[in-house]
Structures are given as structure tokens and as C-alpha cells.
PDB file of N, CA and C in Angstrom:
ATOM      1  N   MET A   1     -12.365 -17.913  13.848  1.00  0.00           N
ATOM      2  CA  MET A   1     -10.900 -18.241  13.081  1.00  0.00           C
ATOM      3  C   MET A   1      -9.902 -17.452  13.559  1.00  0.00           C
ATOM      4  N   THR A   2      -8.769 -18.035  13.576  1.00  0.00           N
ATOM      5  CA  THR A   2      -7.482 -17.388  13.907  1.00  0.00           C
ATOM      6  C   THR A   2      -6.871 -16.627  12.735  1.00  0.00           C
ATOM      7  N   ILE A   3      -5.963 -15.572  13.004  1.00  0.00           N
ATOM      8  CA  ILE A   3      -5.454 -14.802  12.078  1.00  0.00           C
ATOM      9  C   ILE A   3      -4.771 -15.692  10.932  1.00  0.00           C
ATOM     10  N   ASP A   4      -3.979 -16.684  11.743  1.00  0.00           N
ATOM     11  CA  ASP A   4      -3.034 -17.700  10.904  1.00  0.00           C
ATOM     12  C   ASP A   4      -3.979 -18.332   9.784  1.00  0.00           C
ATOM     13  N   GLU A   5      -5.053 -18.905  10.204  1.00  0.00           N
ATOM     14  CA  GLU A   5      -6.045 -19.736   9.301  1.00  0.00           C
ATOM     15  C   GLU A   5      -6.466 -18.991   8.428  1.00  0.00           C
ATOM     16  N   ALA A   6      -6.687 -17.603   8.761  1.00  0.00           N
ATOM     17  CA  ALA A   6      -7.612 -16.659   7.817  1.00  0.00           C
ATOM     18  C   ALA A   6      -6.423 -16.521   6.590  1.00  0.00           C
ATOM     19  N   HIS A   7      -5.333 -16.243   7.168  1.00  0.00           N
ATOM     20  CA  HIS A   7      -4.030 -15.961   6.115  1.00  0.00           C
ATOM     21  C   HIS A   7      -3.824 -17.132   5.290  1.00  0.00           C
ATOM     22  N   SER A   8      -3.851 -18.318   5.650  1.00  0.00           N
ATOM     23  CA  SER A   8      -3.750 -19.459   4.916  1.00  0.00           C
ATOM     24  C   SER A   8      -4.745 -19.624   4.055  1.00  0.00           C
ATOM     25  N   LEU A   9      -5.970 -19.476   4.338  1.00  0.00           N
ATOM     26  CA  LEU A   9      -7.209 -19.531   3.625  1.00  0.00           C
ATOM     27  C   LEU A   9      -7.284 -18.507   2.373  1.00  0.00           C
ATOM     28  N   ALA A  10      -7.035 -17.145   2.620  1.00  0.00           N
ATOM     29  CA  ALA A  10      -6.786 -16.124   1.830  1.00  0.00           C
ATOM     30  C   ALA A  10      -5.733 -16.498   0.879  1.00  0.00           C
ATOM     31  N   GLU A  11      -4.485 -16.903   1.317  1.00  0.00           N
ATOM     32  CA  GLU A  11      -3.341 -17.265   0.269  1.00  0.00           C
ATOM     33  C   GLU A  11      -3.820 -18.320  -0.651  1.00  0.00           C
ATOM     34  N   HIS A  12      -4.589 -19.431  -0.035  1.00  0.00           N
ATOM     35  CA  HIS A  12      -4.993 -20.386  -0.897  1.00  0.00           C
ATOM     36  C   HIS A  12      -5.869 -19.755  -2.099  1.00  0.00           C
ATOM     37  N   HIS A  13      -6.920 -19.036  -1.799  1.00  0.00           N
ATOM     38  CA  HIS A  13      -7.622 -18.513  -2.836  1.00  0.00           C
ATOM     39  C   HIS A  13      -6.773 -17.520  -3.756  1.00  0.00           C
ATOM     40  N   LEU A  14      -6.060 -16.757  -3.154  1.00  0.00           N
ATOM     41  CA  LEU A  14      -5.263 -15.962  -4.064  1.00  0.00           C
ATOM     42  C   LEU A  14      -4.429 -16.594  -5.131  1.00  0.00           C
ATOM     43  N   GLY A  15      -3.910 -17.741  -4.639  1.00  0.00           N
ATOM     44  CA  GLY A  15      -3.081 -18.519  -5.466  1.00  0.00           C
ATOM     45  C   GLY A  15      -3.798 -19.314  -6.597  1.00  0.00           C
ATOM     46  N   ARG A  16      -5.133 -19.190  -6.708  1.00  0.00           N
ATOM     47  CA  ARG A  16      -6.111 -19.776  -7.660  1.00  0.00           C
ATOM     48  C   ARG A  16      -5.987 -18.685  -8.853  1.00  0.00           C
ATOM     49  N   PHE A  17      -5.712 -17.394  -8.903  1.00  0.00           N
ATOM     50  CA  PHE A  17      -5.719 -16.385  -9.831  1.00  0.00           C
ATOM     51  C   PHE A  17      -4.436 -15.692 -10.323  1.00  0.00           C
ATOM     52  N   PRO A  18      -3.884 -16.652 -11.061  1.00  0.00           N
ATOM     53  CA  PRO A  18      -2.478 -16.145 -11.750  1.00  0.00           C
ATOM     54  C   PRO A  18      -2.340 -14.510 -12.055  1.00  0.00           C
ATOM     55  N   GLN A  19      -3.398 -13.994 -12.414  1.00  0.00           N
ATOM     56  CA  GLN A  19      -3.096 -12.462 -12.663  1.00  0.00           C
ATOM     57  C   GLN A  19      -3.071 -11.863 -11.360  1.00  0.00           C
ATOM     58  N   LEU A  20      -3.171 -12.548 -10.157  1.00  0.00           N
ATOM     59  CA  LEU A  20      -2.925 -11.494  -9.007  1.00  0.00           C
ATOM     60  C   LEU A  20      -1.788 -11.806  -8.443  1.00  0.00           C
ATOM     61  N   HIS A  21      -0.767 -12.451  -9.021  1.00  0.00           N
ATOM     62  CA  HIS A  21       0.600 -12.762  -8.619  1.00  0.00           C
ATOM     63  C   HIS A  21       1.211 -11.456  -8.237  1.00  0.00           C
ATOM     64  N   GLY A  22       1.928 -11.652  -6.970  1.00  0.00           N
ATOM     65  CA  GLY A  22       2.354 -10.464  -6.454  1.00  0.00           C
ATOM     66  C   GLY A  22       1.609  -9.528  -5.324  1.00  0.00           C
ATOM     67  N   TRP A  23       0.022  -9.887  -5.533  1.00  0.00           N
ATOM     68  CA  TRP A  23      -0.625  -9.434  -4.491  1.00  0.00           C
ATOM     69  C   TRP A  23      -0.296 -10.058  -3.247  1.00  0.00           C
ATOM     70  N   ARG A  24      -0.745  -9.607  -1.997  1.00  0.00           N
ATOM     71  CA  ARG A  24      -0.581 -10.022  -0.679  1.00  0.00           C
ATOM     72  C   ARG A  24      -1.828  -9.892   0.334  1.00  0.00           C
ATOM     73  N   ILE A  25      -1.691 -10.600   1.409  1.00  0.00           N
ATOM     74  CA  ILE A  25      -2.794 -10.562   2.267  1.00  0.00           C
ATOM     75  C   ILE A  25      -2.279  -9.814   3.747  1.00  0.00           C
ATOM     76  N   GLU A  26      -3.138  -8.803   3.941  1.00  0.00           N
ATOM     77  CA  GLU A  26      -2.725  -8.034   5.109  1.00  0.00           C
ATOM     78  C   GLU A  26      -3.852  -8.081   6.226  1.00  0.00           C
ATOM     79  N   PHE A  27      -3.587  -7.581   7.344  1.00  0.00           N
ATOM     80  CA  PHE A  27      -4.493  -7.395   8.249  1.00  0.00           C
ATOM     81  C   PHE A  27      -4.443  -6.237   9.122  1.00  0.00           C
ATOM     82  N   SER A  28      -5.805  -5.576   9.268  1.00  0.00           N
ATOM     83  CA  SER A  28      -5.750  -4.203  10.119  1.00  0.00           C
ATOM     84  C   SER A  28      -6.460  -4.428  11.505  1.00  0.00           C
ATOM     85  N   SER A  29      -6.062  -3.914  12.361  1.00  0.00           N
ATOM     86  CA  SER A  29      -6.586  -3.838  13.735  1.00  0.00           C
ATOM     87  C   SER A  29      -7.188  -2.534  13.964  1.00  0.00           C
ATOM     88  N   LYS A  30      -7.183  -1.449  13.003  1.00  0.00           N
ATOM     89  CA  LYS A  30      -7.596  -0.129  13.213  1.00  0.00           C
ATOM     90  C   LYS A  30      -9.127  -0.179  12.677  1.00  0.00           C
ATOM     91  N   ALA A  31      -9.386  -0.883  11.611  1.00  0.00           N
ATOM     92  CA  ALA A  31     -10.637  -0.750  11.117  1.00  0.00           C
ATOM     93  C   ALA A  31     -11.871  -1.133  11.874  1.00  0.00           C
ATOM     94  N   ARG A  32     -12.782  -0.465  11.747  1.00  0.00           N
ATOM     95  CA  ARG A  32     -14.047  -0.910  12.647  1.00  0.00           C
ATOM     96  C   ARG A  32     -15.325  -0.884  11.844  1.00  0.00           C
ATOM     97  N   ARG A  33     -15.510  -0.234  10.709  1.00  0.00           N
ATOM     98  CA  ARG A  33     -16.596  -0.129   9.838  1.00  0.00           C
ATOM     99  C   ARG A  33     -16.727  -1.249   8.514  1.00  0.00           C
ATOM    100  N   ARG A  34     -15.527  -1.675   8.319  1.00  0.00           N
ATOM    101  CA  ARG A  34     -15.352  -2.608   7.272  1.00  0.00           C
ATOM    102  C   ARG A  34     -14.978  -3.926   7.531  1.00  0.00           C
ATOM    103  N   LEU A  35     -15.356  -4.900   6.771  1.00  0.00           N
ATOM    104  CA  LEU A  35     -14.860  -6.445   7.032  1.00  0.00           C
ATOM    105  C   LEU A  35     -13.482  -6.469   6.300  1.00  0.00           C
ATOM    106  N   GLY A  36     -13.173  -5.970   5.092  1.00  0.00           N
ATOM    107  CA  GLY A  36     -12.221  -6.218   4.190  1.00  0.00           C
ATOM    108  C   GLY A  36     -12.202  -4.941   3.283  1.00  0.00           C
ATOM    109  N   VAL A  37     -10.872  -4.906   2.552  1.00  0.00           N
ATOM    110  CA  VAL A  37     -10.902  -3.851   1.514  1.00  0.00           C
ATOM    111  C   VAL A  37      -9.626  -4.310   0.584  1.00  0.00           C
ATOM    112  N   CYS A  38     -10.032  -4.047  -0.453  1.00  0.00           N
ATOM    113  CA  CYS A  38      -8.974  -4.228  -1.737  1.00  0.00           C
ATOM    114  C   CYS A  38      -8.397  -2.938  -2.017  1.00  0.00           C
ATOM    115  N   ARG A  39      -6.839  -2.922  -1.826  1.00  0.00           N
ATOM    116  CA  ARG A  39      -6.061  -1.718  -1.828  1.00  0.00           C
ATOM    117  C   ARG A  39      -5.266  -1.971  -3.232  1.00  0.00           C
ATOM    118  N   TYR A  40      -5.694  -1.350  -4.364  1.00  0.00           N
ATOM    119  CA  TYR A  40      -5.038  -1.496  -5.736  1.00  0.00           C
ATOM    120  C   TYR A  40      -3.641  -1.171  -5.705  1.00  0.00           C
ATOM    121  N   ARG A  41      -3.419   0.117  -5.324  1.00  0.00           N
ATOM    122  CA  ARG A  41      -1.972   0.584  -5.129  1.00  0.00           C
ATOM    123  C   ARG A  41      -1.092  -0.212  -4.599  1.00  0.00           C
ATOM    124  N   ARG A  42      -1.523  -0.788  -3.508  1.00  0.00           N
ATOM    125  CA  ARG A  42      -0.541  -1.722  -2.760  1.00  0.00           C
ATOM    126  C   ARG A  42      -0.480  -2.893  -2.885  1.00  0.00           C
ATOM    127  N   ARG A  43      -1.603  -3.387  -3.770  1.00  0.00           N
ATOM    128  CA  ARG A  43      -1.895  -4.706  -4.360  1.00  0.00           C
ATOM    129  C   ARG A  43      -1.903  -5.690  -3.241  1.00  0.00           C
ATOM    130  N   ALA A  44      -2.922  -5.380  -2.289  1.00  0.00           N
ATOM    131  CA  ALA A  44      -3.248  -5.966  -1.231  1.00  0.00           C
ATOM    132  C   ALA A  44      -4.379  -6.143  -0.890  1.00  0.00           C
ATOM    133  N   ILE A  45      -4.824  -7.343  -0.217  1.00  0.00           N
ATOM    134  CA  ILE A  45      -6.263  -7.593   0.301  1.00  0.00           C
ATOM    135  C   ILE A  45      -6.028  -7.267   1.764  1.00  0.00           C
ATOM    136  N   VAL A  46      -6.852  -6.457   2.639  1.00  0.00           N
ATOM    137  CA  VAL A  46      -6.911  -6.103   3.864  1.00  0.00           C
ATOM    138  C   VAL A  46      -8.158  -6.550   4.614  1.00  0.00           C
ATOM    139  N   LEU A  47      -7.713  -7.647   5.439  1.00  0.00           N
ATOM    140  CA  LEU A  47      -8.970  -8.079   6.380  1.00  0.00           C
ATOM    141  C   LEU A  47      -8.876  -7.476   7.659  1.00  0.00           C
ATOM    142  N   THR A  48     -10.078  -7.232   8.262  1.00  0.00           N
ATOM    143  CA  THR A  48     -10.190  -6.537   9.763  1.00  0.00           C
ATOM    144  C   THR A  48     -10.133  -7.594  10.603  1.00  0.00           C
ATOM    145  N   SER A  49      -8.898  -7.498  11.274  1.00  0.00           N
ATOM    146  CA  SER A  49      -8.743  -8.534  12.451  1.00  0.00           C
ATOM    147  C   SER A  49      -9.750  -9.101  13.263  1.00  0.00           C
ATOM    148  N   SER A  50     -10.379  -7.972  13.759  1.00  0.00           N
ATOM    149  CA  SER A  50     -11.701  -8.200  14.782  1.00  0.00           C
ATOM    150  C   SER A  50     -12.659  -9.012  14.077  1.00  0.00           C
ATOM    151  N   PHE A  51     -12.902  -8.745  13.026  1.00  0.00           N
ATOM    152  CA  PHE A  51     -13.902  -9.373  12.121  1.00  0.00           C
ATOM    153  C   PHE A  51     -13.320 -11.059  11.857  1.00  0.00           C
ATOM    154  N   VAL A  52     -12.376 -11.277  11.696  1.00  0.00           N
ATOM    155  CA  VAL A  52     -11.649 -12.529  11.418  1.00  0.00           C
ATOM    156  C   VAL A  52     -11.838 -13.225  12.720  1.00  0.00           C
ATOM    157  N   LEU A  53     -11.155 -12.572  13.741  1.00  0.00           N
ATOM    158  CA  LEU A  53     -11.455 -13.518  15.033  1.00  0.00           C
ATOM    159  C   LEU A  53     -12.844 -13.789  15.587  1.00  0.00           C
ATOM    160  N   ALA A  54     -13.640 -12.983  15.283  1.00  0.00           N
ATOM    161  CA  ALA A  54     -15.068 -13.148  15.821  1.00  0.00           C
ATOM    162  C   ALA A  54     -16.029 -14.019  14.837  1.00  0.00           C
ATOM    163  N   ASN A  55     -15.399 -14.587  13.878  1.00  0.00           N
ATOM    164  CA  ASN A  55     -16.310 -15.366  12.817  1.00  0.00           C
ATOM    165  C   ASN A  55     -15.823 -16.613  12.439  1.00  0.00           C
ATOM    166  N   SER A  56     -16.829 -17.309  11.633  1.00  0.00           N
ATOM    167  CA  SER A  56     -16.456 -18.650  11.239  1.00  0.00           C
ATOM    168  C   SER A  56     -15.615 -18.562   9.927  1.00  0.00           C
ATOM    169  N   SER A  57     -14.894 -19.647   9.478  1.00  0.00           N
ATOM    170  CA  SER A  57     -14.404 -19.547   8.206  1.00  0.00           C
ATOM    171  C   SER A  57     -15.039 -19.423   6.981  1.00  0.00           C
ATOM    172  N   ALA A  58     -16.481 -19.908   6.994  1.00  0.00           N
ATOM    173  CA  ALA A  58     -17.221 -19.766   5.876  1.00  0.00           C
ATOM    174  C   ALA A  58     -17.322 -18.072   5.773  1.00  0.00           C
ATOM    175  N   LYS A  59     -17.653 -17.393   6.685  1.00  0.00           N
ATOM    176  CA  LYS A  59     -17.879 -15.826   6.634  1.00  0.00           C
ATOM    177  C   LYS A  59     -16.648 -15.267   6.215  1.00  0.00           C
ATOM    178  N   VAL A  60     -15.463 -15.424   6.610  1.00  0.00           N
ATOM    179  CA  VAL A  60     -14.159 -14.771   6.211  1.00  0.00           C
ATOM    180  C   VAL A  60     -13.925 -15.182   5.017  1.00  0.00           C
ATOM    181  N   GLN A  61     -14.228 -16.549   4.404  1.00  0.00           N
ATOM    182  CA  GLN A  61     -14.024 -17.078   3.196  1.00  0.00           C
ATOM    183  C   GLN A  61     -14.664 -15.974   2.046  1.00  0.00           C
ATOM    184  N   GLU A  62     -16.078 -15.570   2.516  1.00  0.00           N
ATOM    185  CA  GLU A  62     -16.831 -14.915   1.760  1.00  0.00           C
ATOM    186  C   GLU A  62     -16.338 -13.432   1.536  1.00  0.00           C
ATOM    187  N   VAL A  63     -15.819 -12.807   2.529  1.00  0.00           N
ATOM    188  CA  VAL A  63     -15.250 -11.715   2.566  1.00  0.00           C
ATOM    189  C   VAL A  63     -13.918 -11.681   1.592  1.00  0.00           C
ATOM    190  N   ILE A  64     -13.065 -12.653   1.836  1.00  0.00           N
ATOM    191  CA  ILE A  64     -11.813 -12.821   0.933  1.00  0.00           C
ATOM    192  C   ILE A  64     -12.173 -12.927  -0.576  1.00  0.00           C
ATOM    193  N   LEU A  65     -13.257 -13.810  -0.687  1.00  0.00           N
ATOM    194  CA  LEU A  65     -13.628 -13.973  -2.070  1.00  0.00           C
ATOM    195  C   LEU A  65     -14.200 -12.649  -2.878  1.00  0.00           C
ATOM    196  N   HIS A  66     -15.146 -11.799  -1.871  1.00  0.00           N
ATOM    197  CA  HIS A  66     -15.551 -10.553  -2.340  1.00  0.00           C
ATOM    198  C   HIS A  66     -14.327  -9.632  -2.705  1.00  0.00           C
ATOM    199  N   GLU A  67     -13.385  -9.554  -1.786  1.00  0.00           N
ATOM    200  CA  GLU A  67     -12.163  -8.483  -2.062  1.00  0.00           C
ATOM    201  C   GLU A  67     -11.363  -9.124  -3.237  1.00  0.00           C
ATOM    202  N   LEU A  68     -11.244 -10.293  -3.598  1.00  0.00           N
ATOM    203  CA  LEU A  68     -10.510 -10.717  -4.677  1.00  0.00           C
ATOM    204  C   LEU A  68     -11.215 -10.552  -5.887  1.00  0.00           C
ATOM    205  N   ALA A  69     -12.589 -10.679  -5.838  1.00  0.00           N
ATOM    206  CA  ALA A  69     -13.442  -9.899  -7.194  1.00  0.00           C
ATOM    207  C   ALA A  69     -13.036  -8.646  -7.350  1.00  0.00           C
ATOM    208  N   HIS A  70     -13.079  -7.668  -6.499  1.00  0.00           N
ATOM    209  CA  HIS A  70     -12.645  -6.501  -6.714  1.00  0.00           C
ATOM    210  C   HIS A  70     -11.073  -6.286  -7.406  1.00  0.00           C
ATOM    211  N   ALA A  71     -10.301  -7.026  -6.910  1.00  0.00           N
ATOM    212  CA  ALA A  71      -8.908  -7.193  -7.450  1.00  0.00           C
ATOM    213  C   ALA A  71      -8.911  -7.482  -8.734  1.00  0.00           C
ATOM    214  N   LEU A  72      -9.756  -8.591  -9.124  1.00  0.00           N
ATOM    215  CA  LEU A  72      -9.909  -8.997 -10.709  1.00  0.00           C
ATOM    216  C   LEU A  72     -10.466  -8.050 -11.567  1.00  0.00           C
ATOM    217  N   VAL A  73     -11.159  -6.990 -11.059  1.00  0.00           N
ATOM    218  CA  VAL A  73     -11.819  -6.067 -11.905  1.00  0.00           C
ATOM    219  C   VAL A  73     -10.934  -5.109 -12.614  1.00  0.00           C
TER     220      VAL A  73
END
């Protein structure tokens, strides 16, 4: 999956939750041990670029939804 595709997918899912208005999607090329992270203070879902590039849209979507669940709690 490309970074642009992952960004579009994440924005689509983010838009499903009005309570997450103002949150953004970011990518990290530095992370090595995690697939994604929810940054509450920055109001951002951060996905690891190398994971996105090496995996299918189904796996990336799973991580996006997982991190969105953290943001919702």
C-alpha cells in the first residue's frame, strides 16, 4: 500500500467519528517497533511508513481502526 492510499483510507475512517474532528493523520519513518500510535496531545494518529509500504490495505486498515479506538477512549 502506498502512503497516499493509507492517508486516504485513514482520513475516510477518521471522518466517520465527528468527535475526532481536528485530529490528523501522520507518518513516521523513524519508528521501528510499532505499527502505529495515538498521540493524544498532538491529536494525531501516527502510522509507521515502513509498515504501510510493506503491507496490504486490510492490515493497514486494522491498525488505523485500532489507533482510532484509542483516540475515542
